[in-house]
Amino acid sequence: MSTSTSYMQGLAALFILIVSLVVQLTFNPYENRMLNIMEATGLLVSTMTLYVGLWTFERDSVSKDRISLVATIIVFVINIAFLVMVARVMGATAVRRVKKKLGFAPKEIEASGGIEITAPMSVRVESENIARTNYTVVTNPMNVA
């Protein structure tokens, strides 16, 4: 495959990524705000990676080595930053799910309209032992008698 054909394919892919990014930012198709942010960031990182990769098609052989080195470093940093962001979001989501399964109150109000309140209480026992118990009160306005 010739260099010009590869370059044209790269430009076509870059155009598709830019259009996809504009559509994503315009319509925000996911209900979850974080998914919209991650999708837009992923498209932006892909766009920047491809754009910077197209720099390597520079014709001058002396500057091509420098451009390739700079492009490689930029692509590496951008993609590592994106992976760190994804790992943080996935980690925070996993922690929230584990806390919810263990009975800790979520930070947001449940989608069903219920309000969940968890209050840790300490009880002093005569033997100087302290027992900690989580009491959960769930109030659901839909089940009012």
N, C-alpha and C. Protein backbone atom coordinates (compact mmCIF):
# COMPACT_ATOMS: atom_id res chain seq x y z
N MET A 1 0.85 -1.17 0.00
CA MET A 1 0.00 0.00 0.00
C MET A 1 0.90 1.24 0.00
N SER A 2 0.59 2.19 -0.83
CA SER A 2 1.42 3.38 -0.94
C SER A 2 1.19 4.31 0.25
N THR A 3 2.15 5.21 0.44
CA THR A 3 2.08 6.15 1.54
C THR A 3 0.90 7.09 1.40
N SER A 4 0.62 7.53 0.17
CA SER A 4 -0.49 8.45 -0.03
C SER A 4 -1.83 7.77 0.26
N THR A 5 -1.96 6.48 -0.05
CA THR A 5 -3.19 5.75 0.25
C THR A 5 -3.37 5.63 1.76
N SER A 6 -2.31 5.34 2.48
CA SER A 6 -2.38 5.25 3.95
C SER A 6 -2.74 6.60 4.55
N TYR A 7 -2.16 7.65 4.01
CA TYR A 7 -2.44 9.00 4.49
C TYR A 7 -3.90 9.36 4.26
N MET A 8 -4.44 9.02 3.10
CA MET A 8 -5.85 9.31 2.80
C MET A 8 -6.78 8.51 3.71
N GLN A 9 -6.42 7.26 4.00
CA GLN A 9 -7.23 6.46 4.93
C GLN A 9 -7.20 7.08 6.32
N GLY A 10 -6.04 7.57 6.73
CA GLY A 10 -5.93 8.25 8.02
C GLY A 10 -6.78 9.49 8.08
N LEU A 11 -6.79 10.27 7.00
CA LEU A 11 -7.63 11.47 6.96
C LEU A 11 -9.11 11.12 7.00
N ALA A 12 -9.50 10.05 6.29
CA ALA A 12 -10.90 9.63 6.32
C ALA A 12 -11.31 9.18 7.73
N ALA A 13 -10.44 8.42 8.38
CA ALA A 13 -10.73 7.99 9.75
C ALA A 13 -10.79 9.18 10.70
N LEU A 14 -9.90 10.15 10.50
CA LEU A 14 -9.90 11.35 11.32
C LEU A 14 -11.21 12.12 11.15
N PHE A 15 -11.70 12.21 9.92
CA PHE A 15 -12.97 12.88 9.66
C PHE A 15 -14.11 12.16 10.38
N ILE A 16 -14.14 10.83 10.31
CA ILE A 16 -15.19 10.05 10.98
C ILE A 16 -15.14 10.26 12.49
N LEU A 17 -13.94 10.28 13.06
CA LEU A 17 -13.80 10.50 14.50
C LEU A 17 -14.27 11.89 14.91
N ILE A 18 -13.94 12.89 14.12
CA ILE A 18 -14.38 14.26 14.44
C ILE A 18 -15.89 14.37 14.37
N VAL A 19 -16.50 13.78 13.33
CA VAL A 19 -17.96 13.80 13.22
C VAL A 19 -18.59 13.06 14.42
N SER A 20 -18.02 11.92 14.79
CA SER A 20 -18.52 11.16 15.94
C SER A 20 -18.41 11.96 17.23
N LEU A 21 -17.31 12.67 17.39
CA LEU A 21 -17.12 13.51 18.59
C LEU A 21 -18.14 14.64 18.64
N VAL A 22 -18.39 15.28 17.51
CA VAL A 22 -19.38 16.36 17.46
C VAL A 22 -20.77 15.82 17.78
N VAL A 23 -21.13 14.68 17.22
CA VAL A 23 -22.44 14.07 17.50
C VAL A 23 -22.54 13.71 18.98
N GLN A 24 -21.48 13.13 19.54
CA GLN A 24 -21.48 12.76 20.96
C GLN A 24 -21.68 13.97 21.84
N LEU A 25 -20.94 15.04 21.57
CA LEU A 25 -21.04 16.24 22.39
C LEU A 25 -22.37 16.96 22.21
N THR A 26 -22.96 16.82 21.05
CA THR A 26 -24.24 17.49 20.79
C THR A 26 -25.40 16.77 21.45
N PHE A 27 -25.44 15.45 21.35
CA PHE A 27 -26.62 14.70 21.79
C PHE A 27 -26.48 14.01 23.15
N ASN A 28 -25.26 13.78 23.63
CA ASN A 28 -25.06 13.05 24.89
C ASN A 28 -26.02 11.87 25.00
N PRO A 29 -25.81 10.81 24.24
CA PRO A 29 -26.80 9.74 24.12
C PRO A 29 -27.00 8.88 25.38
N TYR A 30 -26.04 8.89 26.31
CA TYR A 30 -26.17 8.05 27.49
C TYR A 30 -26.90 8.80 28.60
N GLU A 31 -27.68 8.08 29.38
CA GLU A 31 -28.36 8.69 30.52
C GLU A 31 -27.38 9.05 31.62
N ASN A 32 -26.36 8.24 31.78
CA ASN A 32 -25.35 8.47 32.81
C ASN A 32 -24.35 9.51 32.32
N ARG A 33 -24.17 10.57 33.08
CA ARG A 33 -23.29 11.68 32.69
C ARG A 33 -21.85 11.20 32.54
N MET A 34 -21.40 10.32 33.44
CA MET A 34 -20.01 9.85 33.39
C MET A 34 -19.75 9.05 32.11
N LEU A 35 -20.74 8.28 31.65
CA LEU A 35 -20.56 7.55 30.38
C LEU A 35 -20.40 8.51 29.21
N ASN A 36 -21.17 9.60 29.21
CA ASN A 36 -21.03 10.61 28.16
C ASN A 36 -19.65 11.25 28.19
N ILE A 37 -19.15 11.54 29.39
CA ILE A 37 -17.82 12.14 29.52
C ILE A 37 -16.75 11.17 29.04
N MET A 38 -16.86 9.92 29.45
CA MET A 38 -15.85 8.93 29.05
C MET A 38 -15.88 8.67 27.55
N GLU A 39 -17.07 8.61 26.96
CA GLU A 39 -17.17 8.40 25.51
C GLU A 39 -16.56 9.57 24.75
N ALA A 40 -16.88 10.79 25.17
CA ALA A 40 -16.32 11.97 24.50
C ALA A 40 -14.80 12.02 24.67
N THR A 41 -14.33 11.68 25.86
CA THR A 41 -12.89 11.67 26.09
C THR A 41 -12.20 10.60 25.25
N GLY A 42 -12.81 9.43 25.16
CA GLY A 42 -12.26 8.36 24.33
C GLY A 42 -12.19 8.75 22.87
N LEU A 43 -13.24 9.39 22.37
CA LEU A 43 -13.22 9.85 20.98
C LEU A 43 -12.17 10.95 20.77
N LEU A 44 -12.04 11.83 21.75
CA LEU A 44 -11.04 12.89 21.66
C LEU A 44 -9.62 12.30 21.66
N VAL A 45 -9.37 11.33 22.53
CA VAL A 45 -8.05 10.70 22.58
C VAL A 45 -7.77 9.96 21.27
N SER A 46 -8.76 9.27 20.73
CA SER A 46 -8.57 8.58 19.44
C SER A 46 -8.29 9.57 18.32
N THR A 47 -9.01 10.68 18.33
CA THR A 47 -8.81 11.71 17.32
C THR A 47 -7.40 12.29 17.42
N MET A 48 -6.98 12.62 18.64
CA MET A 48 -5.65 13.19 18.83
C MET A 48 -4.56 12.17 18.47
N THR A 49 -4.77 10.92 18.81
CA THR A 49 -3.80 9.87 18.48
C THR A 49 -3.63 9.75 16.97
N LEU A 50 -4.74 9.71 16.26
CA LEU A 50 -4.67 9.59 14.80
C LEU A 50 -4.07 10.84 14.17
N TYR A 51 -4.46 12.01 14.67
CA TYR A 51 -3.93 13.26 14.13
C TYR A 51 -2.41 13.34 14.32
N VAL A 52 -1.98 13.04 15.52
CA VAL A 52 -0.54 13.08 15.79
C VAL A 52 0.18 11.99 14.98
N GLY A 53 -0.47 10.84 14.80
CA GLY A 53 0.12 9.78 13.98
C GLY A 53 0.29 10.20 12.54
N LEU A 54 -0.57 11.08 12.05
CA LEU A 54 -0.44 11.56 10.67
C LEU A 54 0.77 12.47 10.50
N TRP A 55 1.31 13.00 11.60
CA TRP A 55 2.52 13.82 11.51
C TRP A 55 3.69 13.01 10.95
N THR A 56 3.67 11.71 11.15
CA THR A 56 4.80 10.87 10.71
C THR A 56 4.89 10.76 9.19
N PHE A 57 3.90 11.28 8.48
CA PHE A 57 3.94 11.23 7.02
C PHE A 57 4.72 12.42 6.45
N GLU A 58 5.44 13.14 7.31
CA GLU A 58 6.28 14.25 6.88
C GLU A 58 7.31 13.73 5.86
N ARG A 59 7.55 14.49 4.82
CA ARG A 59 8.41 14.03 3.72
C ARG A 59 9.91 14.18 4.02
N ASP A 60 10.32 15.20 4.73
CA ASP A 60 11.73 15.46 4.99
C ASP A 60 12.29 14.42 5.96
N SER A 61 13.30 13.67 5.53
CA SER A 61 13.81 12.56 6.34
C SER A 61 14.53 13.03 7.60
N VAL A 62 15.15 14.23 7.57
CA VAL A 62 15.85 14.74 8.75
C VAL A 62 14.86 15.08 9.86
N SER A 63 13.81 15.81 9.51
CA SER A 63 12.82 16.20 10.51
C SER A 63 11.86 15.06 10.83
N LYS A 64 11.80 14.04 9.96
CA LYS A 64 10.88 12.92 10.18
C LYS A 64 11.21 12.17 11.48
N ASP A 65 12.50 12.00 11.77
CA ASP A 65 12.89 11.31 13.00
C ASP A 65 12.46 12.09 14.24
N ARG A 66 12.65 13.40 14.22
CA ARG A 66 12.25 14.24 15.35
C ARG A 66 10.74 14.25 15.49
N ILE A 67 10.05 14.40 14.37
CA ILE A 67 8.58 14.43 14.41
C ILE A 67 8.04 13.10 14.91
N SER A 68 8.61 12.00 14.46
CA SER A 68 8.17 10.68 14.90
C SER A 68 8.39 10.50 16.40
N LEU A 69 9.50 10.98 16.92
CA LEU A 69 9.78 10.87 18.35
C LEU A 69 8.79 11.70 19.16
N VAL A 70 8.57 12.94 18.75
CA VAL A 70 7.62 13.81 19.45
C VAL A 70 6.21 13.22 19.37
N ALA A 71 5.83 12.73 18.19
CA ALA A 71 4.51 12.14 18.02
C ALA A 71 4.32 10.92 18.91
N THR A 72 5.34 10.09 18.99
CA THR A 72 5.26 8.90 19.83
C THR A 72 5.09 9.27 21.30
N ILE A 73 5.85 10.24 21.76
CA ILE A 73 5.75 10.67 23.16
C ILE A 73 4.37 11.26 23.45
N ILE A 74 3.87 12.11 22.55
CA ILE A 74 2.55 12.72 22.74
C ILE A 74 1.47 11.65 22.78
N VAL A 75 1.50 10.71 21.84
CA VAL A 75 0.49 9.64 21.80
C VAL A 75 0.56 8.80 23.07
N PHE A 76 1.76 8.49 23.51
CA PHE A 76 1.94 7.69 24.72
C PHE A 76 1.34 8.41 25.93
N VAL A 77 1.66 9.67 26.11
CA VAL A 77 1.18 10.44 27.27
C VAL A 77 -0.34 10.56 27.24
N ILE A 78 -0.91 10.89 26.09
CA ILE A 78 -2.36 11.05 25.97
C ILE A 78 -3.07 9.75 26.31
N ASN A 79 -2.61 8.65 25.77
CA ASN A 79 -3.28 7.37 26.00
C ASN A 79 -3.10 6.88 27.42
N ILE A 80 -1.95 7.09 28.04
CA ILE A 80 -1.75 6.71 29.44
C ILE A 80 -2.66 7.54 30.33
N ALA A 81 -2.79 8.84 30.05
CA ALA A 81 -3.69 9.69 30.84
C ALA A 81 -5.13 9.20 30.73
N PHE A 82 -5.54 8.80 29.54
CA PHE A 82 -6.90 8.28 29.36
C PHE A 82 -7.09 6.97 30.13
N LEU A 83 -6.11 6.09 30.08
CA LEU A 83 -6.21 4.82 30.82
C LEU A 83 -6.27 5.06 32.32
N VAL A 84 -5.54 6.03 32.82
CA VAL A 84 -5.60 6.37 34.25
C VAL A 84 -7.00 6.87 34.61
N MET A 85 -7.58 7.72 33.75
CA MET A 85 -8.93 8.22 34.00
C MET A 85 -9.94 7.07 34.04
N VAL A 86 -9.86 6.17 33.07
CA VAL A 86 -10.77 5.03 33.02
C VAL A 86 -10.61 4.15 34.25
N ALA A 87 -9.37 3.91 34.66
CA ALA A 87 -9.12 3.08 35.85
C ALA A 87 -9.69 3.73 37.10
N ARG A 88 -9.56 5.05 37.23
CA ARG A 88 -10.12 5.75 38.39
C ARG A 88 -11.64 5.66 38.42
N VAL A 89 -12.27 5.84 37.28
CA VAL A 89 -13.73 5.77 37.23
C VAL A 89 -14.21 4.36 37.53
N MET A 90 -13.54 3.36 36.95
CA MET A 90 -13.93 1.97 37.20
C MET A 90 -13.69 1.60 38.67
N GLY A 91 -12.60 2.07 39.24
CA GLY A 91 -12.32 1.81 40.65
C GLY A 91 -13.35 2.44 41.55
N ALA A 92 -13.71 3.69 41.28
CA ALA A 92 -14.72 4.37 42.09
C ALA A 92 -16.08 3.67 41.98
N THR A 93 -16.40 3.22 40.77
CA THR A 93 -17.67 2.50 40.58
C THR A 93 -17.66 1.19 41.35
N ALA A 94 -16.55 0.47 41.31
CA ALA A 94 -16.46 -0.79 42.05
C ALA A 94 -16.57 -0.57 43.55
N VAL A 95 -15.93 0.48 44.06
CA VAL A 95 -16.01 0.78 45.49
C VAL A 95 -17.44 1.11 45.89
N ARG A 96 -18.13 1.92 45.06
CA ARG A 96 -19.53 2.25 45.35
C ARG A 96 -20.40 1.01 45.40
N ARG A 97 -20.18 0.09 44.45
CA ARG A 97 -20.99 -1.14 44.42
C ARG A 97 -20.73 -2.01 45.63
N VAL A 98 -19.47 -2.12 46.02
CA VAL A 98 -19.13 -2.93 47.21
C VAL A 98 -19.73 -2.30 48.45
N LYS A 99 -19.62 -0.98 48.58
CA LYS A 99 -20.20 -0.29 49.74
C LYS A 99 -21.71 -0.50 49.79
N LYS A 100 -22.34 -0.45 48.63
CA LYS A 100 -23.79 -0.63 48.59
C LYS A 100 -24.16 -2.06 49.02
N LYS A 101 -23.39 -3.06 48.56
CA LYS A 101 -23.67 -4.44 48.94
C LYS A 101 -23.42 -4.68 50.42
N LEU A 102 -22.46 -3.94 50.99
CA LEU A 102 -22.15 -4.10 52.41
C LEU A 102 -23.09 -3.31 53.31
N GLY A 103 -23.95 -2.51 52.71
CA GLY A 103 -24.95 -1.79 53.49
C GLY A 103 -24.63 -0.35 53.80
N PHE A 104 -23.57 0.18 53.23
CA PHE A 104 -23.28 1.59 53.42
C PHE A 104 -24.21 2.41 52.54
N ALA A 105 -24.57 3.58 53.00
CA ALA A 105 -25.50 4.42 52.24
C ALA A 105 -24.84 4.97 50.99
N PRO A 106 -25.52 4.91 49.86
CA PRO A 106 -24.98 5.55 48.66
C PRO A 106 -25.05 7.07 48.80
N LYS A 107 -24.23 7.77 48.06
CA LYS A 107 -24.22 9.22 48.13
C LYS A 107 -25.45 9.84 47.49
N GLU A 108 -25.99 9.18 46.49
CA GLU A 108 -27.13 9.75 45.79
C GLU A 108 -28.42 9.07 46.25
N ILE A 109 -29.51 9.71 46.06
CA ILE A 109 -30.82 9.15 46.41
C ILE A 109 -31.17 8.09 45.40
N GLU A 110 -31.73 7.00 45.86
CA GLU A 110 -32.10 5.90 44.97
C GLU A 110 -33.06 6.39 43.89
N ALA A 111 -32.96 5.81 42.72
CA ALA A 111 -33.78 6.21 41.58
C ALA A 111 -35.26 5.92 41.81
N SER A 112 -35.57 5.01 42.73
CA SER A 112 -36.96 4.66 42.98
C SER A 112 -37.71 5.72 43.78
N GLY A 113 -37.01 6.72 44.26
CA GLY A 113 -37.67 7.76 45.04
C GLY A 113 -37.49 7.55 46.53
N GLY A 114 -36.89 6.44 46.94
CA GLY A 114 -36.68 6.20 48.37
C GLY A 114 -35.46 6.95 48.85
N ILE A 115 -35.43 7.20 50.14
CA ILE A 115 -34.29 7.86 50.76
C ILE A 115 -33.69 6.86 51.73
N GLU A 116 -32.41 6.61 51.58
CA GLU A 116 -31.76 5.63 52.44
C GLU A 116 -30.80 6.37 53.37
N ILE A 117 -30.98 6.16 54.67
CA ILE A 117 -30.15 6.81 55.66
C ILE A 117 -29.46 5.72 56.48
N THR A 118 -28.15 5.80 56.57
CA THR A 118 -27.41 4.84 57.38
C THR A 118 -26.71 5.61 58.48
N ALA A 119 -26.97 5.23 59.72
CA ALA A 119 -26.36 5.91 60.85
C ALA A 119 -25.57 4.90 61.68
N PRO A 120 -24.25 5.00 61.70
CA PRO A 120 -23.49 4.11 62.57
C PRO A 120 -23.69 4.51 64.03
N MET A 121 -23.88 3.53 64.89
CA MET A 121 -24.10 3.80 66.30
C MET A 121 -23.10 3.01 67.12
N SER A 122 -22.63 3.61 68.20
CA SER A 122 -21.74 2.92 69.12
C SER A 122 -22.48 2.67 70.42
N VAL A 123 -22.34 1.47 70.93
CA VAL A 123 -23.02 1.11 72.17
C VAL A 123 -21.95 0.67 73.16
N ARG A 124 -21.95 1.26 74.36
CA ARG A 124 -20.98 0.87 75.39
C ARG A 124 -21.56 -0.27 76.21
N VAL A 125 -20.79 -1.32 76.25
CA VAL A 125 -21.19 -2.50 77.01
C VAL A 125 -20.39 -2.50 78.31
N GLU A 126 -20.92 -3.12 79.37
CA GLU A 126 -20.26 -3.09 80.67
C GLU A 126 -18.84 -3.66 80.65
N SER A 127 -18.55 -4.53 79.70
CA SER A 127 -17.22 -5.14 79.66
C SER A 127 -16.22 -4.28 78.89
N GLU A 128 -16.53 -3.01 78.72
CA GLU A 128 -15.67 -2.06 78.02
C GLU A 128 -15.52 -2.35 76.53
N ASN A 129 -16.28 -3.30 75.98
CA ASN A 129 -16.26 -3.56 74.55
C ASN A 129 -17.21 -2.60 73.86
N ILE A 130 -16.84 -2.17 72.69
CA ILE A 130 -17.72 -1.28 71.92
C ILE A 130 -18.22 -2.06 70.72
N ALA A 131 -19.52 -2.16 70.62
CA ALA A 131 -20.12 -2.84 69.48
C ALA A 131 -20.59 -1.77 68.49
N ARG A 132 -20.24 -1.93 67.23
CA ARG A 132 -20.68 -0.99 66.19
C ARG A 132 -21.68 -1.69 65.28
N THR A 133 -22.79 -1.04 65.07
CA THR A 133 -23.84 -1.59 64.24
C THR A 133 -24.34 -0.50 63.31
N ASN A 134 -24.62 -0.85 62.09
CA ASN A 134 -25.23 0.09 61.14
C ASN A 134 -26.73 -0.13 61.14
N TYR A 135 -27.47 0.91 61.39
CA TYR A 135 -28.92 0.86 61.33
C TYR A 135 -29.36 1.57 60.06
N THR A 136 -30.18 0.92 59.28
CA THR A 136 -30.62 1.49 58.02
C THR A 136 -32.12 1.79 58.10
N VAL A 137 -32.46 3.03 57.81
CA VAL A 137 -33.86 3.43 57.77
C VAL A 137 -34.18 3.77 56.33
N VAL A 138 -35.14 3.10 55.76
CA VAL A 138 -35.52 3.35 54.39
C VAL A 138 -36.91 3.95 54.40
N THR A 139 -37.04 5.11 53.85
CA THR A 139 -38.34 5.76 53.75
C THR A 139 -38.70 5.84 52.29
N ASN A 140 -39.82 5.27 51.94
CA ASN A 140 -40.28 5.31 50.57
C ASN A 140 -41.64 6.01 50.54
N PRO A 141 -41.72 7.19 50.00
CA PRO A 141 -42.98 7.94 50.00
C PRO A 141 -44.10 7.23 49.20
N MET A 142 -43.74 6.25 48.38
CA MET A 142 -44.75 5.56 47.59
C MET A 142 -45.55 4.56 48.42
N ASN A 143 -45.01 4.12 49.57
CA ASN A 143 -45.67 3.10 50.38
C ASN A 143 -46.33 3.69 51.61
N VAL A 144 -46.83 4.91 51.53
CA VAL A 144 -47.50 5.54 52.66
C VAL A 144 -48.90 4.95 52.77
N ALA A 145 -49.26 4.49 54.00
CA ALA A 145 -50.56 3.86 54.18
C ALA A 145 -51.67 4.86 54.41
